[in-house]
Every structure is written in C-alpha cells, then in structure tokens.
C-alpha cells in the first residue's frame, strides 16, 4: 500500500526547501526519510539539529548505536542507511552484521558499547548491572551514557517513522541477519 508518499521539494515549505538544498549539497541527494520529515513544518529541522548535536561519542560509536537500535526495532530503512554509513566509517560488512546482533568481538570498547545499547533497548532503559559495569570498565563515562541514550532516542524516532510509513528505501538494502536455529 502506497498510502504514505515522500514529498518532493515542490511539496514542502520554503524553509524545508532550503534544508533539502543543503542536504543535496552535502549528501548528493535528499534521503527519503529526511524528505518525509518535511511533511511537518518543523520536524526536519528539529530532527537534524538533534542528529547533528555536539556529542562525546565518536562517529564509529554512534554507528554502533544506530545499527543495534535499528536491528532491534526492525527498521530496514535505517539498517540500509547505516550499513552504508558504517562502511564509510571503516567497518567491514562482517563487522556491521556482528554489531547488529549487539556484539563487536573485534574491539573490546565497541563490544561493551554494543552490549550496553542492546541491554538498554531490550530492557526499556534498565540495562543489566553487569552490562553497565562493563560499559564503564571499558572507559565510558556518565556523560557518554547520556549521549548513548540521546542517540538511541534519535534512532528510535527514525525507526518508528519508517516502520509506520514504510516508504521506499533509497539506499542499497542491508543484508538480512542469518541466525542459527535454536
């Protein structure tokens, strides 16, 4: 069902048209997710402000969070987008697939982060004490924890928008996880 249409530049407000123009210059195109936000007068600008806020986290750490949360929430759009962004940040395809499971055995600090993120989302913010201890033992701080939760929130917003509207994915499709039968 094509009930939810992605607006074109001509369909959105003047303010959102300016944001579309900036996105096109920066990214080369306006991703459908961002375009969809522009159906609301202020949502696109507000979302980009949240997404681009100053943070204590490195780009690779943010991608770990984005991939774990998007997998947990079953958002194929964000998995596809963040698979590409993850590769741009130096992750291999195999590393990305592992991160999506809530693990990163190739890097101790990112492993603690991935486990922390998965425990946090699975338990609605109540990560296990063991996982929290591992997160802090890996060198993360309370300021980092706050930023992790903000990125979880940021990604959850996008996951839910796409899961509700289910518009076309305009990135190469992410590989499905192959899970062993129990």
N, C-alpha and C. Protein backbone atom coordinates (compact mmCIF):
# COMPACT_ATOMS: atom_id res chain seq x y z
N UNK A 1 0.84 -1.18 0.00
CA UNK A 1 0.00 0.00 0.00
C UNK A 1 0.88 1.24 0.00
N UNK A 2 0.66 2.14 -0.90
CA UNK A 2 1.43 3.37 -1.04
C UNK A 2 0.70 4.56 -0.42
N UNK A 3 0.21 4.38 0.77
CA UNK A 3 -0.55 5.44 1.42
C UNK A 3 0.33 6.63 1.79
N UNK A 4 1.54 6.36 2.22
CA UNK A 4 2.42 7.41 2.71
C UNK A 4 3.42 7.78 1.63
N UNK A 5 3.25 8.95 1.06
CA UNK A 5 4.09 9.42 -0.04
C UNK A 5 5.20 10.32 0.49
N UNK A 6 6.37 10.17 -0.08
CA UNK A 6 7.50 11.04 0.25
C UNK A 6 7.33 12.32 -0.57
N UNK A 7 7.35 13.48 0.08
CA UNK A 7 7.16 14.73 -0.66
C UNK A 7 8.39 15.10 -1.50
N UNK A 8 8.14 15.79 -2.57
CA UNK A 8 9.24 16.34 -3.37
C UNK A 8 9.55 17.75 -2.85
N UNK A 9 10.60 18.33 -3.37
CA UNK A 9 10.99 19.69 -2.96
C UNK A 9 9.83 20.66 -3.14
N UNK A 10 9.09 20.52 -4.22
CA UNK A 10 7.99 21.43 -4.53
C UNK A 10 6.82 21.28 -3.57
N UNK A 11 6.75 20.13 -2.90
CA UNK A 11 5.63 19.85 -2.00
C UNK A 11 5.81 20.42 -0.59
N UNK A 12 7.01 20.91 -0.27
CA UNK A 12 7.31 21.30 1.11
C UNK A 12 7.46 22.81 1.24
N UNK A 13 7.49 23.27 2.47
CA UNK A 13 7.58 24.71 2.75
C UNK A 13 8.92 25.28 2.26
N UNK A 14 8.98 26.59 2.19
CA UNK A 14 10.20 27.28 1.78
C UNK A 14 11.36 26.95 2.72
N UNK A 15 11.09 26.91 4.02
CA UNK A 15 12.14 26.56 4.97
C UNK A 15 12.66 25.14 4.73
N UNK A 16 11.75 24.22 4.50
CA UNK A 16 12.17 22.84 4.23
C UNK A 16 12.85 22.71 2.86
N UNK A 17 12.45 23.52 1.90
CA UNK A 17 13.14 23.52 0.60
C UNK A 17 14.61 23.91 0.78
N UNK A 18 14.86 24.88 1.65
CA UNK A 18 16.25 25.29 1.91
C UNK A 18 17.05 24.14 2.55
N UNK A 19 16.40 23.41 3.45
CA UNK A 19 17.06 22.25 4.06
C UNK A 19 17.31 21.17 3.01
N UNK A 20 16.35 20.94 2.13
CA UNK A 20 16.54 19.99 1.02
C UNK A 20 17.76 20.39 0.20
N UNK A 21 17.87 21.68 -0.11
CA UNK A 21 19.01 22.16 -0.92
C UNK A 21 20.33 21.90 -0.21
N UNK A 22 20.37 22.15 1.09
CA UNK A 22 21.60 21.90 1.86
C UNK A 22 21.93 20.41 1.92
N UNK A 23 20.90 19.58 2.09
CA UNK A 23 21.13 18.13 2.11
C UNK A 23 21.66 17.65 0.76
N UNK A 24 21.08 18.17 -0.31
CA UNK A 24 21.52 17.76 -1.65
C UNK A 24 22.99 18.12 -1.87
N UNK A 25 23.39 19.30 -1.38
CA UNK A 25 24.80 19.71 -1.50
C UNK A 25 25.71 18.82 -0.66
N UNK A 26 25.27 18.48 0.55
CA UNK A 26 26.10 17.72 1.48
C UNK A 26 26.14 16.23 1.17
N UNK A 27 24.99 15.66 0.82
CA UNK A 27 24.87 14.21 0.67
C UNK A 27 24.80 13.77 -0.79
N UNK A 28 24.39 14.69 -1.66
CA UNK A 28 24.22 14.35 -3.07
C UNK A 28 22.78 14.08 -3.45
N UNK A 29 21.94 13.88 -2.46
CA UNK A 29 20.50 13.67 -2.67
C UNK A 29 19.80 13.90 -1.33
N UNK A 30 18.48 13.96 -1.38
CA UNK A 30 17.70 14.09 -0.15
C UNK A 30 17.14 12.71 0.17
N UNK A 31 17.69 12.04 1.20
CA UNK A 31 17.17 10.73 1.55
C UNK A 31 15.67 10.78 1.85
N UNK A 32 14.97 9.74 1.44
CA UNK A 32 13.51 9.71 1.62
C UNK A 32 13.09 9.92 3.07
N UNK A 33 13.86 9.41 4.02
CA UNK A 33 13.50 9.61 5.42
C UNK A 33 13.47 11.09 5.77
N UNK A 34 14.50 11.82 5.37
CA UNK A 34 14.54 13.26 5.65
C UNK A 34 13.42 13.97 4.91
N UNK A 35 13.19 13.60 3.67
CA UNK A 35 12.11 14.24 2.91
C UNK A 35 10.77 14.01 3.60
N UNK A 36 10.57 12.80 4.13
CA UNK A 36 9.30 12.50 4.79
C UNK A 36 9.09 13.39 6.01
N UNK A 37 10.16 13.64 6.77
CA UNK A 37 10.05 14.55 7.92
C UNK A 37 9.50 15.91 7.50
N UNK A 38 9.79 16.33 6.27
CA UNK A 38 9.40 17.66 5.80
C UNK A 38 7.89 17.80 5.59
N UNK A 39 7.13 16.73 5.74
CA UNK A 39 5.67 16.85 5.71
C UNK A 39 5.18 17.67 6.90
N UNK A 40 6.02 17.76 7.91
CA UNK A 40 5.74 18.56 9.10
C UNK A 40 6.63 19.81 9.01
N UNK A 41 6.08 20.96 9.28
CA UNK A 41 6.80 22.23 9.09
C UNK A 41 8.14 22.29 9.81
N UNK A 42 8.22 21.77 11.02
CA UNK A 42 9.45 21.94 11.81
C UNK A 42 10.22 20.65 12.08
N UNK A 43 9.64 19.49 11.78
CA UNK A 43 10.25 18.21 12.18
C UNK A 43 11.62 17.97 11.54
N UNK A 44 11.79 18.28 10.27
CA UNK A 44 13.07 18.03 9.61
C UNK A 44 14.18 18.84 10.24
N UNK A 45 13.96 20.12 10.42
CA UNK A 45 14.98 20.97 11.06
C UNK A 45 15.26 20.54 12.49
N UNK A 46 14.20 20.24 13.22
CA UNK A 46 14.38 19.79 14.61
C UNK A 46 15.15 18.48 14.67
N UNK A 47 14.81 17.54 13.80
CA UNK A 47 15.48 16.25 13.80
C UNK A 47 16.96 16.39 13.44
N UNK A 48 17.25 17.18 12.43
CA UNK A 48 18.65 17.38 12.02
C UNK A 48 19.46 18.06 13.12
N UNK A 49 18.83 18.97 13.86
CA UNK A 49 19.50 19.61 14.99
C UNK A 49 19.85 18.56 16.04
N UNK A 50 18.91 17.68 16.36
CA UNK A 50 19.17 16.61 17.31
C UNK A 50 20.27 15.69 16.79
N UNK A 51 20.16 15.28 15.56
CA UNK A 51 21.10 14.33 15.00
C UNK A 51 22.52 14.90 14.91
N UNK A 52 22.64 16.17 14.69
CA UNK A 52 23.96 16.79 14.49
C UNK A 52 24.48 17.52 15.72
N UNK A 53 23.88 17.28 16.87
CA UNK A 53 24.32 17.95 18.10
C UNK A 53 25.74 17.51 18.46
N UNK A 54 26.42 18.37 19.20
CA UNK A 54 27.75 18.03 19.69
C UNK A 54 27.62 16.88 20.68
N UNK A 55 28.55 15.92 20.61
CA UNK A 55 28.46 14.72 21.42
C UNK A 55 29.84 14.29 21.90
N UNK A 56 29.87 13.49 22.95
CA UNK A 56 31.12 12.94 23.45
C UNK A 56 31.50 11.67 22.70
N UNK A 57 30.62 11.21 21.82
CA UNK A 57 30.84 9.95 21.11
C UNK A 57 31.51 10.17 19.76
N UNK A 58 32.34 9.21 19.39
CA UNK A 58 32.98 9.23 18.07
C UNK A 58 31.98 8.70 17.03
N UNK A 59 32.25 9.00 15.76
CA UNK A 59 31.36 8.58 14.67
C UNK A 59 31.13 7.07 14.68
N UNK A 60 32.19 6.29 14.88
CA UNK A 60 32.04 4.82 14.89
C UNK A 60 31.14 4.38 16.04
N UNK A 61 31.26 5.03 17.18
CA UNK A 61 30.41 4.68 18.33
C UNK A 61 28.95 4.98 18.03
N UNK A 62 28.69 6.12 17.39
CA UNK A 62 27.31 6.45 17.02
C UNK A 62 26.75 5.42 16.05
N UNK A 63 27.59 4.94 15.13
CA UNK A 63 27.12 3.94 14.17
C UNK A 63 26.81 2.61 14.86
N UNK A 64 27.60 2.24 15.88
CA UNK A 64 27.28 1.04 16.64
C UNK A 64 25.88 1.17 17.23
N UNK A 65 25.60 2.31 17.84
CA UNK A 65 24.28 2.55 18.44
C UNK A 65 23.19 2.49 17.36
N UNK A 66 23.41 3.21 16.26
CA UNK A 66 22.42 3.25 15.17
C UNK A 66 22.10 1.86 14.64
N UNK A 67 23.12 1.03 14.48
CA UNK A 67 22.92 -0.32 13.93
C UNK A 67 22.21 -1.23 14.92
N UNK A 68 22.63 -1.20 16.18
CA UNK A 68 22.00 -2.06 17.19
C UNK A 68 20.53 -1.68 17.36
N UNK A 69 20.24 -0.39 17.49
CA UNK A 69 18.86 0.06 17.71
C UNK A 69 18.00 -0.23 16.48
N UNK A 70 18.52 0.03 15.30
CA UNK A 70 17.74 -0.21 14.08
C UNK A 70 17.43 -1.69 13.90
N UNK A 71 18.39 -2.56 14.26
CA UNK A 71 18.12 -4.00 14.20
C UNK A 71 17.05 -4.38 15.21
N UNK A 72 17.19 -3.89 16.42
CA UNK A 72 16.22 -4.20 17.48
C UNK A 72 14.81 -3.76 17.07
N UNK A 73 14.72 -2.57 16.47
CA UNK A 73 13.42 -2.02 16.08
C UNK A 73 12.94 -2.51 14.71
N UNK A 74 13.75 -3.32 14.04
CA UNK A 74 13.34 -3.88 12.75
C UNK A 74 13.14 -2.86 11.66
N UNK A 75 13.99 -1.84 11.62
CA UNK A 75 13.85 -0.79 10.61
C UNK A 75 14.83 -1.03 9.45
N UNK A 76 14.31 -1.58 8.36
CA UNK A 76 15.16 -1.87 7.21
C UNK A 76 15.72 -0.61 6.56
N UNK A 77 14.97 0.49 6.62
CA UNK A 77 15.49 1.74 6.04
C UNK A 77 16.77 2.15 6.78
N UNK A 78 16.69 2.24 8.09
CA UNK A 78 17.84 2.71 8.87
C UNK A 78 18.98 1.69 8.84
N UNK A 79 18.66 0.40 8.82
CA UNK A 79 19.71 -0.61 8.68
C UNK A 79 20.45 -0.43 7.36
N UNK A 80 19.71 -0.16 6.30
CA UNK A 80 20.33 0.03 4.99
C UNK A 80 21.19 1.30 4.97
N UNK A 81 20.65 2.39 5.48
CA UNK A 81 21.40 3.64 5.51
C UNK A 81 22.65 3.51 6.39
N UNK A 82 22.50 2.94 7.56
CA UNK A 82 23.63 2.87 8.49
C UNK A 82 24.63 1.77 8.15
N UNK A 83 24.24 0.81 7.32
CA UNK A 83 25.23 -0.11 6.78
C UNK A 83 26.18 0.66 5.88
N UNK A 84 25.64 1.54 5.05
CA UNK A 84 26.49 2.35 4.17
C UNK A 84 27.35 3.33 4.98
N UNK A 85 26.75 3.99 5.96
CA UNK A 85 27.49 4.95 6.79
C UNK A 85 28.54 4.21 7.63
N UNK A 86 28.20 3.02 8.11
CA UNK A 86 29.16 2.22 8.86
C UNK A 86 30.38 1.89 8.01
N UNK A 87 30.15 1.52 6.75
CA UNK A 87 31.27 1.24 5.83
C UNK A 87 32.10 2.50 5.62
N UNK A 88 31.45 3.66 5.49
CA UNK A 88 32.18 4.93 5.32
C UNK A 88 33.03 5.24 6.55
N UNK A 89 32.62 4.71 7.71
CA UNK A 89 33.37 4.91 8.95
C UNK A 89 34.36 3.79 9.24
N UNK A 90 34.58 2.90 8.27
CA UNK A 90 35.63 1.92 8.38
C UNK A 90 35.24 0.52 8.84
N UNK A 91 33.95 0.26 9.05
CA UNK A 91 33.52 -1.07 9.42
C UNK A 91 33.42 -1.95 8.16
N UNK A 92 33.74 -3.22 8.30
CA UNK A 92 33.54 -4.18 7.21
C UNK A 92 32.10 -4.68 7.26
N UNK A 93 31.69 -5.34 6.19
CA UNK A 93 30.34 -5.92 6.15
C UNK A 93 30.15 -6.92 7.29
N UNK A 94 31.14 -7.77 7.53
CA UNK A 94 31.03 -8.75 8.61
C UNK A 94 30.94 -8.08 9.98
N UNK A 95 31.71 -7.01 10.19
CA UNK A 95 31.64 -6.29 11.45
C UNK A 95 30.27 -5.65 11.64
N UNK A 96 29.72 -5.11 10.59
CA UNK A 96 28.39 -4.49 10.67
C UNK A 96 27.34 -5.54 11.03
N UNK A 97 27.42 -6.69 10.42
CA UNK A 97 26.46 -7.76 10.74
C UNK A 97 26.59 -8.19 12.19
N UNK A 98 27.82 -8.27 12.69
CA UNK A 98 28.01 -8.63 14.09
C UNK A 98 27.48 -7.54 15.03
N UNK A 99 27.76 -6.29 14.71
CA UNK A 99 27.28 -5.17 15.53
C UNK A 99 25.76 -5.24 15.66
N UNK A 100 25.09 -5.54 14.58
CA UNK A 100 23.62 -5.60 14.59
C UNK A 100 23.10 -6.63 15.59
N UNK A 101 23.91 -7.62 15.97
CA UNK A 101 23.49 -8.62 16.95
C UNK A 101 23.72 -8.15 18.38
N UNK A 102 24.35 -6.98 18.54
CA UNK A 102 24.64 -6.46 19.88
C UNK A 102 26.01 -6.88 20.37
N UNK A 103 26.92 -7.14 19.45
CA UNK A 103 28.28 -7.55 19.81
C UNK A 103 29.28 -6.90 18.84
N UNK A 104 30.53 -6.83 19.28
CA UNK A 104 31.61 -6.32 18.42
C UNK A 104 32.92 -6.95 18.91
N UNK A 105 33.05 -8.25 18.70
CA UNK A 105 34.18 -9.01 19.24
C UNK A 105 35.53 -8.51 18.73
N UNK A 106 35.54 -7.74 17.66
CA UNK A 106 36.77 -7.23 17.06
C UNK A 106 37.33 -6.01 17.79
N UNK A 107 36.59 -5.46 18.77
CA UNK A 107 37.02 -4.27 19.51
C UNK A 107 36.36 -4.29 20.89
N UNK A 108 37.19 -4.40 21.94
CA UNK A 108 36.65 -4.54 23.30
C UNK A 108 35.75 -3.39 23.72
N UNK A 109 36.16 -2.16 23.41
CA UNK A 109 35.36 -1.00 23.84
C UNK A 109 34.03 -0.95 23.09
N UNK A 110 34.07 -1.17 21.77
CA UNK A 110 32.83 -1.16 20.99
C UNK A 110 31.93 -2.35 21.37
N UNK A 111 32.55 -3.45 21.79
CA UNK A 111 31.77 -4.61 22.24
C UNK A 111 30.97 -4.24 23.49
N UNK A 112 31.64 -3.58 24.44
CA UNK A 112 30.94 -3.14 25.66
C UNK A 112 29.81 -2.18 25.31
N UNK A 113 30.05 -1.29 24.35
CA UNK A 113 29.02 -0.34 23.91
C UNK A 113 27.84 -1.07 23.27
N UNK A 114 28.12 -1.99 22.35
CA UNK A 114 27.05 -2.71 21.66
C UNK A 114 26.19 -3.49 22.66
N UNK A 115 26.84 -4.16 23.60
CA UNK A 115 26.10 -4.91 24.62
C UNK A 115 25.26 -3.97 25.49
N UNK A 116 25.82 -2.81 25.85
CA UNK A 116 25.11 -1.83 26.66
C UNK A 116 23.86 -1.32 25.92
N UNK A 117 24.04 -0.99 24.64
CA UNK A 117 22.91 -0.48 23.85
C UNK A 117 21.81 -1.54 23.75
N UNK A 118 22.18 -2.77 23.42
CA UNK A 118 21.17 -3.81 23.29
C UNK A 118 20.45 -4.05 24.61
N UNK A 119 21.19 -4.12 25.71
CA UNK A 119 20.56 -4.33 27.01
C UNK A 119 19.64 -3.16 27.36
N UNK A 120 20.05 -1.96 27.01
CA UNK A 120 19.24 -0.77 27.29
C UNK A 120 17.92 -0.80 26.53
N UNK A 121 17.98 -1.11 25.23
CA UNK A 121 16.74 -1.10 24.45
C UNK A 121 15.86 -2.31 24.78
N UNK A 122 16.48 -3.46 25.00
CA UNK A 122 15.69 -4.65 25.34
C UNK A 122 14.95 -4.48 26.66
N UNK A 123 15.57 -3.75 27.59
CA UNK A 123 15.02 -3.62 28.94
C UNK A 123 14.43 -2.24 29.22
N UNK A 124 14.08 -1.51 28.15
CA UNK A 124 13.42 -0.21 28.25
C UNK A 124 14.16 0.74 29.18
N UNK A 125 15.48 0.81 29.00
CA UNK A 125 16.30 1.74 29.77
C UNK A 125 16.89 1.14 31.02
N UNK A 126 16.54 -0.07 31.33
CA UNK A 126 17.04 -0.70 32.55
C UNK A 126 18.08 -1.77 32.20
N UNK A 127 19.22 -1.31 31.66
CA UNK A 127 20.30 -2.23 31.29
C UNK A 127 20.74 -3.00 32.52
N UNK A 128 21.20 -4.21 32.31
CA UNK A 128 21.64 -5.04 33.44
C UNK A 128 22.84 -4.39 34.12
N UNK A 129 22.96 -4.65 35.41
CA UNK A 129 24.09 -4.10 36.18
C UNK A 129 25.41 -4.58 35.61
N UNK A 130 25.47 -5.83 35.21
CA UNK A 130 26.70 -6.40 34.64
C UNK A 130 27.11 -5.64 33.37
N UNK A 131 26.15 -5.40 32.49
CA UNK A 131 26.44 -4.70 31.24
C UNK A 131 26.83 -3.25 31.52
N UNK A 132 26.18 -2.62 32.49
CA UNK A 132 26.56 -1.24 32.85
C UNK A 132 27.99 -1.21 33.39
N UNK A 133 28.32 -2.16 34.24
CA UNK A 133 29.69 -2.23 34.79
C UNK A 133 30.70 -2.41 33.67
N UNK A 134 30.42 -3.28 32.70
CA UNK A 134 31.32 -3.50 31.56
C UNK A 134 31.46 -2.23 30.71
N UNK A 135 30.37 -1.51 30.54
CA UNK A 135 30.37 -0.25 29.78
C UNK A 135 31.32 0.76 30.44
N UNK A 136 31.19 0.94 31.73
CA UNK A 136 32.06 1.89 32.44
C UNK A 136 33.49 1.37 32.54
N UNK A 137 33.68 0.07 32.72
CA UNK A 137 35.02 -0.51 32.78
C UNK A 137 35.75 -0.35 31.45
N UNK A 138 35.01 -0.27 30.35
CA UNK A 138 35.61 -0.09 29.02
C UNK A 138 36.09 1.34 28.80
N UNK A 139 35.80 2.23 29.75
CA UNK A 139 36.28 3.61 29.64
C UNK A 139 35.20 4.64 29.37
N UNK A 140 33.96 4.21 29.30
CA UNK A 140 32.88 5.17 29.07
C UNK A 140 32.53 5.87 30.38
N UNK A 141 32.00 7.08 30.25
CA UNK A 141 31.66 7.93 31.39
C UNK A 141 30.14 8.11 31.46
N UNK A 142 29.70 8.77 32.52
CA UNK A 142 28.27 9.08 32.62
C UNK A 142 27.85 10.05 31.51
N UNK A 143 28.75 10.98 31.12
CA UNK A 143 28.44 11.87 30.01
C UNK A 143 28.24 11.06 28.72
N UNK A 144 29.09 10.04 28.52
CA UNK A 144 28.91 9.16 27.36
C UNK A 144 27.58 8.43 27.44
N UNK A 145 27.21 7.95 28.64
CA UNK A 145 25.95 7.23 28.81
C UNK A 145 24.77 8.12 28.39
N UNK A 146 24.81 9.38 28.77
CA UNK A 146 23.74 10.31 28.39
C UNK A 146 23.69 10.44 26.88
N UNK A 147 24.86 10.59 26.25
CA UNK A 147 24.88 10.71 24.79
C UNK A 147 24.40 9.43 24.11
N UNK A 148 24.73 8.26 24.66
CA UNK A 148 24.25 7.00 24.11
C UNK A 148 22.72 6.99 24.12
N UNK A 149 22.13 7.40 25.22
CA UNK A 149 20.67 7.39 25.32
C UNK A 149 20.06 8.39 24.33
N UNK A 150 20.69 9.53 24.14
CA UNK A 150 20.19 10.51 23.17
C UNK A 150 20.24 9.92 21.76
N UNK A 151 21.32 9.22 21.41
CA UNK A 151 21.41 8.60 20.08
C UNK A 151 20.39 7.47 19.96
N UNK A 152 20.17 6.70 21.02
CA UNK A 152 19.11 5.68 20.99
C UNK A 152 17.77 6.34 20.68
N UNK A 153 17.49 7.46 21.34
CA UNK A 153 16.23 8.18 21.10
C UNK A 153 16.14 8.69 19.67
N UNK A 154 17.22 9.28 19.18
CA UNK A 154 17.29 9.80 17.81
C UNK A 154 16.97 8.68 16.83
N UNK A 155 17.62 7.54 17.00
CA UNK A 155 17.44 6.45 16.05
C UNK A 155 16.06 5.83 16.19
N UNK A 156 15.54 5.75 17.39
CA UNK A 156 14.20 5.20 17.60
C UNK A 156 13.16 6.05 16.88
N UNK A 157 13.32 7.35 16.92
CA UNK A 157 12.40 8.25 16.20
C UNK A 157 12.37 7.88 14.72
N UNK A 158 13.53 7.79 14.09
CA UNK A 158 13.59 7.46 12.66
C UNK A 158 13.07 6.06 12.39
N UNK A 159 13.44 5.11 13.24
CA UNK A 159 12.95 3.74 13.07
C UNK A 159 11.44 3.71 13.06
N UNK A 160 10.83 4.39 14.02
CA UNK A 160 9.37 4.37 14.13
C UNK A 160 8.72 5.09 12.94
N UNK A 161 9.30 6.22 12.51
CA UNK A 161 8.74 6.94 11.35
C UNK A 161 8.71 6.01 10.14
N UNK A 162 9.86 5.35 9.86
CA UNK A 162 9.87 4.48 8.68
C UNK A 162 8.99 3.24 8.88
N UNK A 163 9.02 2.66 10.06
CA UNK A 163 8.19 1.48 10.28
C UNK A 163 6.71 1.79 10.13
N UNK A 164 6.30 2.99 10.48
CA UNK A 164 4.89 3.39 10.31
C UNK A 164 4.56 3.72 8.86
N UNK A 165 5.42 4.48 8.19
CA UNK A 165 5.11 4.97 6.85
C UNK A 165 5.58 4.02 5.75
N UNK A 166 6.63 3.25 6.00
CA UNK A 166 7.12 2.22 5.08
C UNK A 166 7.33 2.71 3.65
N UNK A 167 7.94 3.90 3.51
CA UNK A 167 8.23 4.42 2.18
C UNK A 167 9.49 3.73 1.63
N UNK A 168 9.75 3.97 0.36
CA UNK A 168 10.83 3.31 -0.38
C UNK A 168 12.20 3.57 0.27
N UNK A 169 12.99 2.51 0.35
CA UNK A 169 14.36 2.60 0.86
C UNK A 169 15.23 3.03 -0.31
N UNK A 170 15.94 4.14 -0.14
CA UNK A 170 16.75 4.69 -1.23
C UNK A 170 18.26 4.51 -0.98
N UNK A 171 18.61 3.44 -0.30
CA UNK A 171 20.00 3.01 -0.08
C UNK A 171 20.07 1.55 -0.50
N UNK A 172 21.28 1.04 -0.80
CA UNK A 172 21.38 -0.40 -1.05
C UNK A 172 20.84 -1.16 0.16
N UNK A 173 20.03 -2.17 -0.08
CA UNK A 173 19.39 -2.90 1.02
C UNK A 173 20.42 -3.62 1.88
N UNK A 174 20.24 -3.49 3.18
CA UNK A 174 21.12 -4.19 4.14
C UNK A 174 20.83 -5.68 4.06
N UNK A 175 21.87 -6.46 4.24
CA UNK A 175 21.73 -7.91 4.26
C UNK A 175 20.92 -8.33 5.48
N UNK A 176 20.09 -9.33 5.31
CA UNK A 176 19.35 -9.85 6.46
C UNK A 176 20.28 -10.65 7.34
N UNK A 177 20.07 -10.59 8.63
CA UNK A 177 20.88 -11.39 9.55
C UNK A 177 20.49 -12.84 9.42
N UNK A 178 21.48 -13.69 9.37
CA UNK A 178 21.23 -15.13 9.38
C UNK A 178 21.44 -15.60 10.80
N UNK A 179 20.40 -16.10 11.41
CA UNK A 179 20.51 -16.56 12.78
C UNK A 179 20.43 -18.08 12.82
N UNK A 180 21.21 -18.65 13.67
CA UNK A 180 21.22 -20.11 13.79
C UNK A 180 19.91 -20.58 14.43
N UNK A 181 19.44 -21.69 13.96
CA UNK A 181 18.23 -22.26 14.56
C UNK A 181 18.54 -22.75 15.95
N UNK A 182 17.64 -22.50 16.89
CA UNK A 182 17.87 -22.91 18.27
C UNK A 182 17.58 -24.38 18.48
